[in-house]
Amino acid sequence: MKENLILANYKVESEAYQALSELKRDTTNANYTISQAVIVKKENDKLTIMDGFVNGTMNGDDTWKGSLIGSLVGVLGGPLGVLLGGSMGMLIGGAVDANDMVDNASLLEKAGDSILNGETAIILLAQEEYETALTAKLNNFEVSITRFDAAEVAAEVEHARELEKQMAKEAREKMREERTEEFKETVSKKSEELKNWFSHLGKKE
């Protein structure tokens, strides 16, 4: 049995919902076990979970807290994914040479880039004996399917979370360091501008 993270891109949004409904009715059999599945939509380069389920759990506000898929979507739509865009894979994957970007592209980068703006996809975590069973079920619709090693994705998500913490820490430190005389002069200038603005408003009364 192999644990896979499966990404299914749908041409028609309604078909993604139909497929999710079928998956929810048959989460466990001799060929596979589905742990969790979501429908995501990408708009303005941000992924949003639209619907989904965790095996044995009703979908709710806390359903995705701590789940692999919830963390994955959080990373792809979080500061690391938004700020670094296409460079995210280089940073997470440890590539140092831009020429190696394609060969060293991370799974997170590939997953994020494979969903285009305006598109809808299903992301599901499953343990599979034979990939053909889930593929056949998903192929009832017009879909493009990509599989990723779930353990590798989980490791990259964990690494990405650490990088986000490091980025936040460095940003705070940089802001503190840059409170120089130039910064203080800017504060003074802005203070004067605000005082003048409110003074102008007072004269209108």
N, C-alpha and C. Protein backbone atom coordinates (compact mmCIF):
# COMPACT_ATOMS: atom_id res chain seq x y z
N MET A 1 0.85 -1.19 0.00
CA MET A 1 0.00 0.00 0.00
C MET A 1 0.89 1.24 0.00
N LYS A 2 0.47 2.26 -0.75
CA LYS A 2 1.25 3.49 -0.84
C LYS A 2 0.36 4.68 -0.50
N GLU A 3 0.93 5.63 0.27
CA GLU A 3 0.18 6.82 0.63
C GLU A 3 0.47 7.91 -0.41
N ASN A 4 -0.59 8.37 -1.07
CA ASN A 4 -0.44 9.37 -2.12
C ASN A 4 -1.30 10.60 -1.84
N LEU A 5 -0.79 11.74 -2.26
CA LEU A 5 -1.60 12.95 -2.33
C LEU A 5 -1.97 13.11 -3.79
N ILE A 6 -3.25 13.13 -4.08
CA ILE A 6 -3.73 13.11 -5.46
C ILE A 6 -4.38 14.44 -5.79
N LEU A 7 -3.97 15.02 -6.90
CA LEU A 7 -4.52 16.29 -7.37
C LEU A 7 -5.28 16.04 -8.66
N ALA A 8 -6.57 16.36 -8.65
CA ALA A 8 -7.42 16.15 -9.83
C ALA A 8 -7.98 17.50 -10.28
N ASN A 9 -7.54 17.96 -11.45
CA ASN A 9 -8.00 19.24 -12.00
C ASN A 9 -9.20 19.02 -12.91
N TYR A 10 -10.26 19.76 -12.65
CA TYR A 10 -11.50 19.59 -13.42
C TYR A 10 -11.75 20.77 -14.35
N LYS A 11 -12.20 20.45 -15.56
CA LYS A 11 -12.56 21.50 -16.52
C LYS A 11 -13.87 22.17 -16.14
N VAL A 12 -14.79 21.36 -15.58
CA VAL A 12 -16.12 21.85 -15.21
C VAL A 12 -16.25 21.80 -13.69
N GLU A 13 -16.53 22.94 -13.07
CA GLU A 13 -16.57 23.02 -11.61
C GLU A 13 -17.61 22.07 -11.01
N SER A 14 -18.78 21.99 -11.62
CA SER A 14 -19.84 21.14 -11.07
C SER A 14 -19.43 19.67 -11.05
N GLU A 15 -18.58 19.26 -11.99
CA GLU A 15 -18.13 17.88 -12.02
C GLU A 15 -17.22 17.56 -10.84
N ALA A 16 -16.48 18.56 -10.36
CA ALA A 16 -15.64 18.36 -9.18
C ALA A 16 -16.51 18.04 -7.96
N TYR A 17 -17.64 18.73 -7.85
CA TYR A 17 -18.54 18.48 -6.73
C TYR A 17 -19.20 17.11 -6.84
N GLN A 18 -19.52 16.71 -8.08
CA GLN A 18 -20.09 15.38 -8.28
C GLN A 18 -19.08 14.30 -7.90
N ALA A 19 -17.83 14.53 -8.31
CA ALA A 19 -16.77 13.55 -8.00
C ALA A 19 -16.54 13.46 -6.50
N LEU A 20 -16.53 14.60 -5.82
CA LEU A 20 -16.34 14.59 -4.37
C LEU A 20 -17.46 13.81 -3.68
N SER A 21 -18.68 14.00 -4.16
CA SER A 21 -19.82 13.28 -3.58
C SER A 21 -19.65 11.77 -3.75
N GLU A 22 -19.17 11.34 -4.92
CA GLU A 22 -18.97 9.92 -5.17
C GLU A 22 -17.84 9.35 -4.29
N LEU A 23 -16.79 10.15 -4.11
CA LEU A 23 -15.68 9.71 -3.26
C LEU A 23 -16.14 9.54 -1.82
N LYS A 24 -16.98 10.46 -1.35
CA LYS A 24 -17.46 10.41 0.03
C LYS A 24 -18.32 9.18 0.28
N ARG A 25 -19.00 8.70 -0.75
CA ARG A 25 -19.86 7.52 -0.61
C ARG A 25 -19.05 6.23 -0.59
N ASP A 26 -17.79 6.29 -1.05
CA ASP A 26 -16.97 5.08 -1.14
C ASP A 26 -15.54 5.41 -0.71
N THR A 27 -15.36 5.65 0.60
CA THR A 27 -14.04 6.08 1.09
C THR A 27 -13.09 4.93 1.35
N THR A 28 -13.64 3.72 1.57
CA THR A 28 -12.79 2.59 1.94
C THR A 28 -13.23 1.31 1.24
N ASN A 29 -12.28 0.66 0.57
CA ASN A 29 -12.54 -0.65 -0.02
C ASN A 29 -11.22 -1.40 -0.13
N ALA A 30 -11.21 -2.51 -0.83
CA ALA A 30 -10.00 -3.34 -0.91
C ALA A 30 -8.87 -2.67 -1.68
N ASN A 31 -9.21 -1.68 -2.51
CA ASN A 31 -8.20 -1.05 -3.37
C ASN A 31 -7.62 0.24 -2.80
N TYR A 32 -8.39 0.93 -1.97
CA TYR A 32 -7.90 2.20 -1.44
C TYR A 32 -8.68 2.61 -0.19
N THR A 33 -8.06 3.53 0.57
CA THR A 33 -8.72 4.19 1.68
C THR A 33 -8.46 5.68 1.56
N ILE A 34 -9.53 6.47 1.51
CA ILE A 34 -9.39 7.93 1.43
C ILE A 34 -9.43 8.50 2.84
N SER A 35 -8.39 9.24 3.21
CA SER A 35 -8.33 9.84 4.54
C SER A 35 -9.05 11.19 4.56
N GLN A 36 -8.81 12.01 3.54
CA GLN A 36 -9.40 13.34 3.47
C GLN A 36 -9.42 13.81 2.02
N ALA A 37 -10.37 14.66 1.71
CA ALA A 37 -10.48 15.19 0.35
C ALA A 37 -11.15 16.55 0.39
N VAL A 38 -10.69 17.46 -0.47
CA VAL A 38 -11.29 18.79 -0.53
C VAL A 38 -11.44 19.24 -1.99
N ILE A 39 -12.38 20.15 -2.17
CA ILE A 39 -12.45 20.89 -3.42
C ILE A 39 -11.81 22.25 -3.16
N VAL A 40 -10.88 22.64 -4.01
CA VAL A 40 -10.26 23.95 -3.89
C VAL A 40 -10.48 24.73 -5.18
N LYS A 41 -10.55 26.04 -5.03
CA LYS A 41 -10.65 26.92 -6.20
C LYS A 41 -9.56 27.96 -6.10
N LYS A 42 -8.93 28.25 -7.24
CA LYS A 42 -7.85 29.22 -7.25
C LYS A 42 -8.32 30.52 -7.89
N GLU A 43 -8.25 31.60 -7.14
CA GLU A 43 -8.60 32.92 -7.63
C GLU A 43 -7.57 33.91 -7.13
N ASN A 44 -7.08 34.75 -8.05
CA ASN A 44 -6.05 35.73 -7.71
C ASN A 44 -4.85 35.06 -7.02
N ASP A 45 -4.47 33.91 -7.56
CA ASP A 45 -3.31 33.14 -7.08
C ASP A 45 -3.48 32.61 -5.66
N LYS A 46 -4.70 32.58 -5.13
CA LYS A 46 -4.94 32.07 -3.79
C LYS A 46 -5.90 30.89 -3.84
N LEU A 47 -5.52 29.82 -3.14
CA LEU A 47 -6.37 28.63 -3.06
C LEU A 47 -7.33 28.74 -1.88
N THR A 48 -8.59 28.41 -2.12
CA THR A 48 -9.60 28.42 -1.07
C THR A 48 -10.30 27.07 -1.04
N ILE A 49 -10.44 26.50 0.16
CA ILE A 49 -11.18 25.25 0.31
C ILE A 49 -12.67 25.55 0.24
N MET A 50 -13.35 24.93 -0.73
CA MET A 50 -14.77 25.19 -0.96
C MET A 50 -15.65 24.15 -0.27
N ASP A 51 -15.18 22.91 -0.23
CA ASP A 51 -15.96 21.82 0.36
C ASP A 51 -15.01 20.65 0.59
N GLY A 52 -15.46 19.68 1.37
CA GLY A 52 -14.60 18.52 1.57
C GLY A 52 -15.04 17.68 2.74
N PHE A 53 -14.24 16.65 3.02
CA PHE A 53 -14.53 15.78 4.15
C PHE A 53 -13.25 15.12 4.65
N VAL A 54 -13.27 14.78 5.92
CA VAL A 54 -12.26 13.92 6.52
C VAL A 54 -12.96 12.62 6.83
N ASN A 55 -12.37 11.49 6.50
CA ASN A 55 -12.99 10.18 6.67
C ASN A 55 -13.49 10.02 8.11
N GLY A 56 -14.80 9.83 8.24
CA GLY A 56 -15.39 9.64 9.56
C GLY A 56 -15.70 10.91 10.30
N THR A 57 -15.48 12.08 9.66
CA THR A 57 -15.71 13.36 10.31
C THR A 57 -16.57 14.26 9.45
N MET A 58 -17.54 14.91 10.06
CA MET A 58 -18.36 15.86 9.33
C MET A 58 -17.53 17.11 9.04
N ASN A 59 -17.77 17.71 7.89
CA ASN A 59 -17.06 18.92 7.53
C ASN A 59 -17.52 20.07 8.40
N GLY A 60 -16.58 20.83 8.96
CA GLY A 60 -16.91 21.97 9.80
C GLY A 60 -15.74 22.92 9.89
N ASP A 61 -15.88 23.94 10.73
CA ASP A 61 -14.84 24.97 10.81
C ASP A 61 -13.49 24.41 11.23
N ASP A 62 -13.50 23.37 12.09
CA ASP A 62 -12.25 22.83 12.61
C ASP A 62 -11.76 21.59 11.86
N THR A 63 -12.48 21.20 10.80
CA THR A 63 -12.17 19.96 10.11
C THR A 63 -10.73 19.90 9.64
N TRP A 64 -10.23 21.03 9.11
CA TRP A 64 -8.93 20.98 8.43
C TRP A 64 -7.76 21.42 9.30
N LYS A 65 -8.05 21.81 10.55
CA LYS A 65 -6.96 22.23 11.42
C LYS A 65 -6.03 21.04 11.68
N GLY A 66 -4.77 21.22 11.34
CA GLY A 66 -3.79 20.18 11.57
C GLY A 66 -3.75 19.09 10.52
N SER A 67 -4.66 19.11 9.55
CA SER A 67 -4.65 18.08 8.52
C SER A 67 -3.58 18.40 7.47
N LEU A 68 -3.10 17.37 6.78
CA LEU A 68 -2.08 17.58 5.76
C LEU A 68 -2.60 18.47 4.65
N ILE A 69 -3.82 18.21 4.18
CA ILE A 69 -4.36 19.02 3.08
C ILE A 69 -4.59 20.46 3.53
N GLY A 70 -5.13 20.63 4.74
CA GLY A 70 -5.34 21.99 5.25
C GLY A 70 -4.03 22.75 5.35
N SER A 71 -2.98 22.08 5.82
CA SER A 71 -1.66 22.71 5.93
C SER A 71 -1.08 23.02 4.56
N LEU A 72 -1.28 22.09 3.61
CA LEU A 72 -0.79 22.30 2.25
C LEU A 72 -1.43 23.52 1.62
N VAL A 73 -2.75 23.62 1.72
CA VAL A 73 -3.46 24.77 1.14
C VAL A 73 -3.02 26.05 1.85
N GLY A 74 -2.80 25.96 3.17
CA GLY A 74 -2.35 27.13 3.92
C GLY A 74 -1.00 27.62 3.45
N VAL A 75 -0.09 26.70 3.16
CA VAL A 75 1.24 27.09 2.68
C VAL A 75 1.16 27.69 1.29
N LEU A 76 0.40 27.03 0.40
CA LEU A 76 0.30 27.52 -0.98
C LEU A 76 -0.34 28.90 -1.05
N GLY A 77 -1.28 29.18 -0.12
CA GLY A 77 -1.95 30.48 -0.13
C GLY A 77 -1.40 31.43 0.91
N GLY A 78 -0.38 31.00 1.65
CA GLY A 78 0.18 31.83 2.72
C GLY A 78 1.28 32.75 2.23
N PRO A 79 1.97 33.40 3.17
CA PRO A 79 2.99 34.39 2.80
C PRO A 79 4.12 33.82 1.95
N LEU A 80 4.51 32.58 2.22
CA LEU A 80 5.59 31.99 1.43
C LEU A 80 5.18 31.82 -0.02
N GLY A 81 4.01 31.27 -0.24
CA GLY A 81 3.53 31.06 -1.60
C GLY A 81 3.23 32.35 -2.31
N VAL A 82 2.59 33.31 -1.61
CA VAL A 82 2.21 34.58 -2.23
C VAL A 82 3.43 35.45 -2.54
N LEU A 83 4.34 35.56 -1.58
CA LEU A 83 5.48 36.46 -1.75
C LEU A 83 6.52 35.93 -2.72
N LEU A 84 6.74 34.63 -2.70
CA LEU A 84 7.81 34.06 -3.51
C LEU A 84 7.33 33.50 -4.84
N GLY A 85 6.05 33.20 -4.93
CA GLY A 85 5.51 32.74 -6.19
C GLY A 85 6.28 31.58 -6.75
N GLY A 86 6.76 31.71 -7.99
CA GLY A 86 7.47 30.63 -8.66
C GLY A 86 8.78 30.26 -8.02
N SER A 87 9.32 31.16 -7.16
CA SER A 87 10.59 30.85 -6.51
C SER A 87 10.41 29.97 -5.29
N MET A 88 9.17 29.72 -4.90
CA MET A 88 8.91 28.94 -3.70
C MET A 88 9.58 27.58 -3.77
N GLY A 89 9.48 26.93 -4.90
CA GLY A 89 10.06 25.60 -5.03
C GLY A 89 11.56 25.60 -4.85
N MET A 90 12.24 26.65 -5.33
CA MET A 90 13.68 26.73 -5.18
C MET A 90 14.05 26.84 -3.72
N LEU A 91 13.27 27.64 -2.97
CA LEU A 91 13.59 27.86 -1.58
C LEU A 91 13.32 26.60 -0.76
N ILE A 92 12.16 26.00 -0.97
CA ILE A 92 11.79 24.82 -0.20
C ILE A 92 12.64 23.63 -0.60
N GLY A 93 12.87 23.49 -1.90
CA GLY A 93 13.61 22.33 -2.39
C GLY A 93 15.10 22.43 -2.17
N GLY A 94 15.60 23.62 -1.80
CA GLY A 94 17.01 23.79 -1.52
C GLY A 94 17.85 24.05 -2.74
N ALA A 95 17.24 24.38 -3.88
CA ALA A 95 18.02 24.66 -5.08
C ALA A 95 18.73 26.00 -4.92
N VAL A 96 19.96 26.08 -5.41
CA VAL A 96 20.72 27.32 -5.29
C VAL A 96 21.02 27.93 -6.65
N ASP A 97 20.88 27.16 -7.68
CA ASP A 97 21.16 27.63 -9.03
C ASP A 97 19.85 27.75 -9.78
N ALA A 98 19.58 28.94 -10.33
CA ALA A 98 18.33 29.16 -11.05
C ALA A 98 18.19 28.20 -12.22
N ASN A 99 19.31 27.77 -12.79
CA ASN A 99 19.26 26.84 -13.93
C ASN A 99 18.75 25.47 -13.51
N ASP A 100 18.82 25.19 -12.20
CA ASP A 100 18.37 23.89 -11.71
C ASP A 100 16.91 23.91 -11.28
N MET A 101 16.24 25.03 -11.52
CA MET A 101 14.89 25.20 -10.97
C MET A 101 13.94 24.10 -11.41
N VAL A 102 13.96 23.74 -12.68
CA VAL A 102 13.03 22.73 -13.17
C VAL A 102 13.31 21.38 -12.54
N ASP A 103 14.59 21.00 -12.50
CA ASP A 103 14.95 19.69 -11.94
C ASP A 103 14.69 19.62 -10.44
N ASN A 104 14.83 20.76 -9.74
CA ASN A 104 14.73 20.76 -8.29
C ASN A 104 13.39 21.30 -7.79
N ALA A 105 12.47 21.53 -8.71
CA ALA A 105 11.18 22.08 -8.31
C ALA A 105 10.53 21.19 -7.26
N SER A 106 10.04 21.81 -6.21
CA SER A 106 9.43 21.04 -5.12
C SER A 106 8.05 20.55 -5.51
N LEU A 107 7.57 19.59 -4.74
CA LEU A 107 6.22 19.10 -4.96
C LEU A 107 5.20 20.19 -4.70
N LEU A 108 5.47 21.05 -3.72
CA LEU A 108 4.55 22.14 -3.42
C LEU A 108 4.42 23.08 -4.60
N GLU A 109 5.56 23.38 -5.22
CA GLU A 109 5.53 24.28 -6.37
C GLU A 109 4.74 23.65 -7.51
N LYS A 110 5.00 22.37 -7.76
CA LYS A 110 4.30 21.69 -8.85
C LYS A 110 2.79 21.65 -8.57
N ALA A 111 2.43 21.39 -7.31
CA ALA A 111 1.02 21.32 -6.95
C ALA A 111 0.36 22.69 -7.12
N GLY A 112 1.04 23.73 -6.67
CA GLY A 112 0.47 25.07 -6.79
C GLY A 112 0.35 25.54 -8.22
N ASP A 113 1.39 25.27 -9.00
CA ASP A 113 1.41 25.75 -10.39
C ASP A 113 0.45 24.99 -11.29
N SER A 114 0.08 23.77 -10.90
CA SER A 114 -0.77 22.96 -11.77
C SER A 114 -2.23 23.40 -11.71
N ILE A 115 -2.60 24.21 -10.72
CA ILE A 115 -3.95 24.76 -10.64
C ILE A 115 -3.90 26.21 -11.09
N LEU A 116 -4.57 26.52 -12.17
CA LEU A 116 -4.56 27.86 -12.72
C LEU A 116 -5.68 28.70 -12.12
N ASN A 117 -5.54 30.02 -12.20
CA ASN A 117 -6.58 30.91 -11.70
C ASN A 117 -7.91 30.61 -12.37
N GLY A 118 -8.95 30.54 -11.57
CA GLY A 118 -10.28 30.24 -12.08
C GLY A 118 -10.59 28.77 -12.16
N GLU A 119 -9.59 27.93 -11.90
CA GLU A 119 -9.80 26.48 -11.98
C GLU A 119 -10.22 25.88 -10.64
N THR A 120 -10.86 24.72 -10.74
CA THR A 120 -11.31 23.98 -9.56
C THR A 120 -10.63 22.61 -9.56
N ALA A 121 -10.24 22.17 -8.38
CA ALA A 121 -9.55 20.87 -8.28
C ALA A 121 -9.96 20.15 -7.00
N ILE A 122 -9.77 18.85 -7.02
CA ILE A 122 -9.90 18.04 -5.80
C ILE A 122 -8.51 17.63 -5.37
N ILE A 123 -8.21 17.82 -4.09
CA ILE A 123 -6.98 17.32 -3.50
C ILE A 123 -7.38 16.26 -2.49
N LEU A 124 -6.84 15.05 -2.63
CA LEU A 124 -7.21 14.01 -1.68
C LEU A 124 -6.00 13.22 -1.22
N LEU A 125 -6.07 12.77 0.02
CA LEU A 125 -5.02 11.95 0.61
C LEU A 125 -5.56 10.54 0.72
N ALA A 126 -4.84 9.60 0.10
CA ALA A 126 -5.34 8.23 0.07
C ALA A 126 -4.21 7.22 0.19
N GLN A 127 -4.54 6.08 0.74
CA GLN A 127 -3.63 4.93 0.73
C GLN A 127 -4.15 3.99 -0.35
N GLU A 128 -3.28 3.65 -1.30
CA GLU A 128 -3.73 2.89 -2.46
C GLU A 128 -2.98 1.57 -2.61
N GLU A 129 -3.73 0.53 -2.87
CA GLU A 129 -3.15 -0.76 -3.25
C GLU A 129 -2.88 -0.75 -4.74
N TYR A 130 -3.88 -0.29 -5.50
CA TYR A 130 -3.74 -0.15 -6.95
C TYR A 130 -4.25 1.24 -7.34
N GLU A 131 -3.43 2.00 -8.05
CA GLU A 131 -3.81 3.35 -8.44
C GLU A 131 -4.96 3.36 -9.43
N THR A 132 -5.14 2.27 -10.14
CA THR A 132 -6.15 2.22 -11.19
C THR A 132 -7.57 2.40 -10.66
N ALA A 133 -7.83 1.97 -9.42
CA ALA A 133 -9.19 2.03 -8.88
C ALA A 133 -9.66 3.47 -8.70
N LEU A 134 -8.85 4.30 -8.02
CA LEU A 134 -9.24 5.70 -7.83
C LEU A 134 -9.17 6.47 -9.14
N THR A 135 -8.20 6.13 -9.97
CA THR A 135 -8.09 6.80 -11.27
C THR A 135 -9.36 6.58 -12.09
N ALA A 136 -9.85 5.35 -12.08
CA ALA A 136 -11.06 5.03 -12.84
C ALA A 136 -12.25 5.81 -12.30
N LYS A 137 -12.35 5.95 -10.98
CA LYS A 137 -13.46 6.69 -10.38
C LYS A 137 -13.38 8.18 -10.74
N LEU A 138 -12.19 8.74 -10.66
CA LEU A 138 -12.01 10.16 -10.99
C LEU A 138 -12.19 10.42 -12.48
N ASN A 139 -11.85 9.43 -13.30
CA ASN A 139 -11.93 9.58 -14.75
C ASN A 139 -13.35 9.51 -15.30
N ASN A 140 -14.34 9.43 -14.42
CA ASN A 140 -15.73 9.50 -14.88
C ASN A 140 -16.04 10.89 -15.43
N PHE A 141 -15.12 11.84 -15.17
CA PHE A 141 -15.31 13.22 -15.60
C PHE A 141 -14.08 13.67 -16.39
N GLU A 142 -14.18 14.87 -16.98
CA GLU A 142 -13.03 15.42 -17.71
C GLU A 142 -12.04 15.98 -16.69
N VAL A 143 -10.95 15.27 -16.49
CA VAL A 143 -10.06 15.58 -15.39
C VAL A 143 -8.61 15.26 -15.74
N SER A 144 -7.71 15.98 -15.10
CA SER A 144 -6.28 15.70 -15.21
C SER A 144 -5.77 15.32 -13.82
N ILE A 145 -5.12 14.16 -13.71
CA ILE A 145 -4.75 13.61 -12.40
C ILE A 145 -3.23 13.57 -12.23
N THR A 146 -2.77 14.05 -11.07
CA THR A 146 -1.34 13.99 -10.74
C THR A 146 -1.21 13.43 -9.33
N ARG A 147 -0.25 12.51 -9.15
CA ARG A 147 -0.01 11.93 -7.83
C ARG A 147 1.33 12.40 -7.28
N PHE A 148 1.34 12.60 -5.95
CA PHE A 148 2.56 12.97 -5.24
C PHE A 148 2.73 12.03 -4.05
N ASP A 149 3.97 11.75 -3.69
CA ASP A 149 4.25 10.95 -2.51
C ASP A 149 3.81 11.76 -1.28
N ALA A 150 2.85 11.24 -0.53
CA ALA A 150 2.28 11.99 0.59
C ALA A 150 3.31 12.31 1.66
N ALA A 151 4.24 11.40 1.90
CA ALA A 151 5.26 11.62 2.92
C ALA A 151 6.18 12.77 2.51
N GLU A 152 6.52 12.84 1.23
CA GLU A 152 7.37 13.93 0.76
C GLU A 152 6.65 15.27 0.86
N VAL A 153 5.36 15.28 0.50
CA VAL A 153 4.58 16.51 0.62
C VAL A 153 4.51 16.95 2.08
N ALA A 154 4.27 16.00 2.99
CA ALA A 154 4.18 16.32 4.41
C ALA A 154 5.49 16.92 4.92
N ALA A 155 6.61 16.36 4.45
CA ALA A 155 7.92 16.88 4.86
C ALA A 155 8.13 18.29 4.33
N GLU A 156 7.72 18.55 3.09
CA GLU A 156 7.88 19.88 2.50
C GLU A 156 6.98 20.90 3.19
N VAL A 157 5.77 20.48 3.54
CA VAL A 157 4.85 21.37 4.25
C VAL A 157 5.46 21.77 5.59
N GLU A 158 6.02 20.79 6.31
CA GLU A 158 6.65 21.08 7.60
C GLU A 158 7.82 22.04 7.43
N HIS A 159 8.63 21.81 6.39
CA HIS A 159 9.77 22.69 6.10
C HIS A 159 9.28 24.09 5.78
N ALA A 160 8.21 24.18 4.98
CA ALA A 160 7.66 25.47 4.59
C ALA A 160 7.16 26.24 5.80
N ARG A 161 6.52 25.54 6.74
CA ARG A 161 6.04 26.20 7.95
C ARG A 161 7.19 26.79 8.76
N GLU A 162 8.30 26.05 8.83
CA GLU A 162 9.47 26.56 9.54
C GLU A 162 10.03 27.78 8.83
N LEU A 163 10.03 27.75 7.49
CA LEU A 163 10.52 28.90 6.73
C LEU A 163 9.64 30.12 6.96
N GLU A 164 8.31 29.91 7.05
CA GLU A 164 7.40 31.02 7.30
C GLU A 164 7.69 31.66 8.65
N LYS A 165 7.96 30.82 9.67
CA LYS A 165 8.29 31.34 10.99
C LYS A 165 9.59 32.14 10.94
N GLN A 166 10.57 31.60 10.18
CA GLN A 166 11.85 32.28 10.05
C GLN A 166 11.69 33.61 9.33
N MET A 167 10.86 33.63 8.28
CA MET A 167 10.61 34.87 7.54
C MET A 167 9.98 35.93 8.44
N ALA A 168 9.00 35.51 9.26
CA ALA A 168 8.33 36.45 10.15
C ALA A 168 9.31 37.01 11.18
N LYS A 169 10.17 36.13 11.72
CA LYS A 169 11.16 36.56 12.70
C LYS A 169 12.14 37.55 12.09
N GLU A 170 12.63 37.24 10.88
CA GLU A 170 13.58 38.12 10.22
C GLU A 170 12.95 39.46 9.87
N ALA A 171 11.66 39.43 9.50
CA ALA A 171 10.96 40.68 9.17
C ALA A 171 10.85 41.57 10.40
N ARG A 172 10.52 40.97 11.55
CA ARG A 172 10.43 41.75 12.79
C ARG A 172 11.77 42.34 13.17
N GLU A 173 12.83 41.53 13.05
CA GLU A 173 14.17 42.00 13.39
C GLU A 173 14.61 43.12 12.46
N LYS A 174 14.30 42.99 11.18
CA LYS A 174 14.69 44.01 10.21
C LYS A 174 13.98 45.33 10.49
N MET A 175 12.69 45.24 10.86
CA MET A 175 11.94 46.45 11.18
C MET A 175 12.54 47.16 12.39
N ARG A 176 12.95 46.38 13.38
CA ARG A 176 13.57 46.98 14.57
C ARG A 176 14.90 47.63 14.22
N GLU A 177 15.70 46.94 13.39
CA GLU A 177 17.02 47.46 13.00
C GLU A 177 16.91 48.74 12.19
N GLU A 178 15.83 48.85 11.42
CA GLU A 178 15.71 49.99 10.51
C GLU A 178 15.06 51.21 11.16
N ARG A 179 14.88 51.16 12.47
CA ARG A 179 14.38 52.35 13.16
C ARG A 179 15.55 53.32 13.37
N THR A 180 16.11 53.78 12.27
CA THR A 180 17.27 54.67 12.25
C THR A 180 16.81 56.12 12.28
N GLU A 181 17.80 57.03 12.18
CA GLU A 181 17.47 58.46 12.15
C GLU A 181 16.58 58.77 10.95
N GLU A 182 16.85 58.10 9.83
CA GLU A 182 16.03 58.33 8.64
C GLU A 182 14.58 57.93 8.91
N PHE A 183 14.41 56.82 9.63
CA PHE A 183 13.06 56.38 9.97
C PHE A 183 12.39 57.40 10.88
N LYS A 184 13.15 57.89 11.87
CA LYS A 184 12.59 58.88 12.80
C LYS A 184 12.21 60.17 12.06
N GLU A 185 13.02 60.55 11.08
CA GLU A 185 12.70 61.74 10.29
C GLU A 185 11.41 61.54 9.50
N THR A 186 11.24 60.33 9.00
CA THR A 186 10.02 60.02 8.25
C THR A 186 8.80 60.09 9.16
N VAL A 187 8.94 59.57 10.39
CA VAL A 187 7.86 59.64 11.37
C VAL A 187 7.50 61.08 11.66
N SER A 188 8.52 61.91 11.86
CA SER A 188 8.29 63.33 12.14
C SER A 188 7.57 64.01 10.98
N LYS A 189 7.97 63.68 9.76
CA LYS A 189 7.35 64.27 8.57
C LYS A 189 5.89 63.85 8.47
N LYS A 190 5.64 62.57 8.70
CA LYS A 190 4.26 62.07 8.63
C LYS A 190 3.40 62.68 9.72
N SER A 191 3.99 62.89 10.90
CA SER A 191 3.27 63.51 12.00
C SER A 191 2.84 64.92 11.64
N GLU A 192 3.76 65.65 11.02
CA GLU A 192 3.45 67.03 10.60
C GLU A 192 2.36 67.04 9.53
N GLU A 193 2.43 66.08 8.61
CA GLU A 193 1.41 66.00 7.55
C GLU A 193 0.02 65.72 8.14
N LEU A 194 -0.01 64.84 9.12
CA LEU A 194 -1.29 64.51 9.76
C LEU A 194 -1.85 65.71 10.53
N LYS A 195 -0.97 66.42 11.25
CA LYS A 195 -1.42 67.60 11.99
C LYS A 195 -1.99 68.65 11.03
N ASN A 196 -1.31 68.85 9.91
CA ASN A 196 -1.78 69.82 8.92
C ASN A 196 -3.12 69.39 8.34
N TRP A 197 -3.28 68.10 8.14
CA TRP A 197 -4.54 67.58 7.58
C TRP A 197 -5.70 67.85 8.54
N PHE A 198 -5.49 67.54 9.83
CA PHE A 198 -6.56 67.77 10.79
C PHE A 198 -6.80 69.25 11.02
N SER A 199 -5.74 70.05 10.92
CA SER A 199 -5.90 71.50 11.04
C SER A 199 -6.74 72.03 9.90
N HIS A 200 -6.52 71.48 8.71
CA HIS A 200 -7.29 71.88 7.52
C HIS A 200 -8.76 71.50 7.70
N LEU A 201 -9.00 70.32 8.28
CA LEU A 201 -10.37 69.89 8.50
C LEU A 201 -11.09 70.80 9.50
N GLY A 202 -10.34 71.23 10.54
CA GLY A 202 -10.90 72.10 11.55
C GLY A 202 -11.32 73.45 11.00
N LYS A 203 -10.59 73.96 10.02
CA LYS A 203 -10.91 75.25 9.42
C LYS A 203 -12.17 75.21 8.56
N LYS A 204 -12.56 73.99 8.14
CA LYS A 204 -13.75 73.85 7.30
C LYS A 204 -15.03 74.00 8.11
N GLU A 205 -14.93 73.82 9.45
CA GLU A 205 -16.14 73.87 10.28
C GLU A 205 -16.65 75.30 10.44
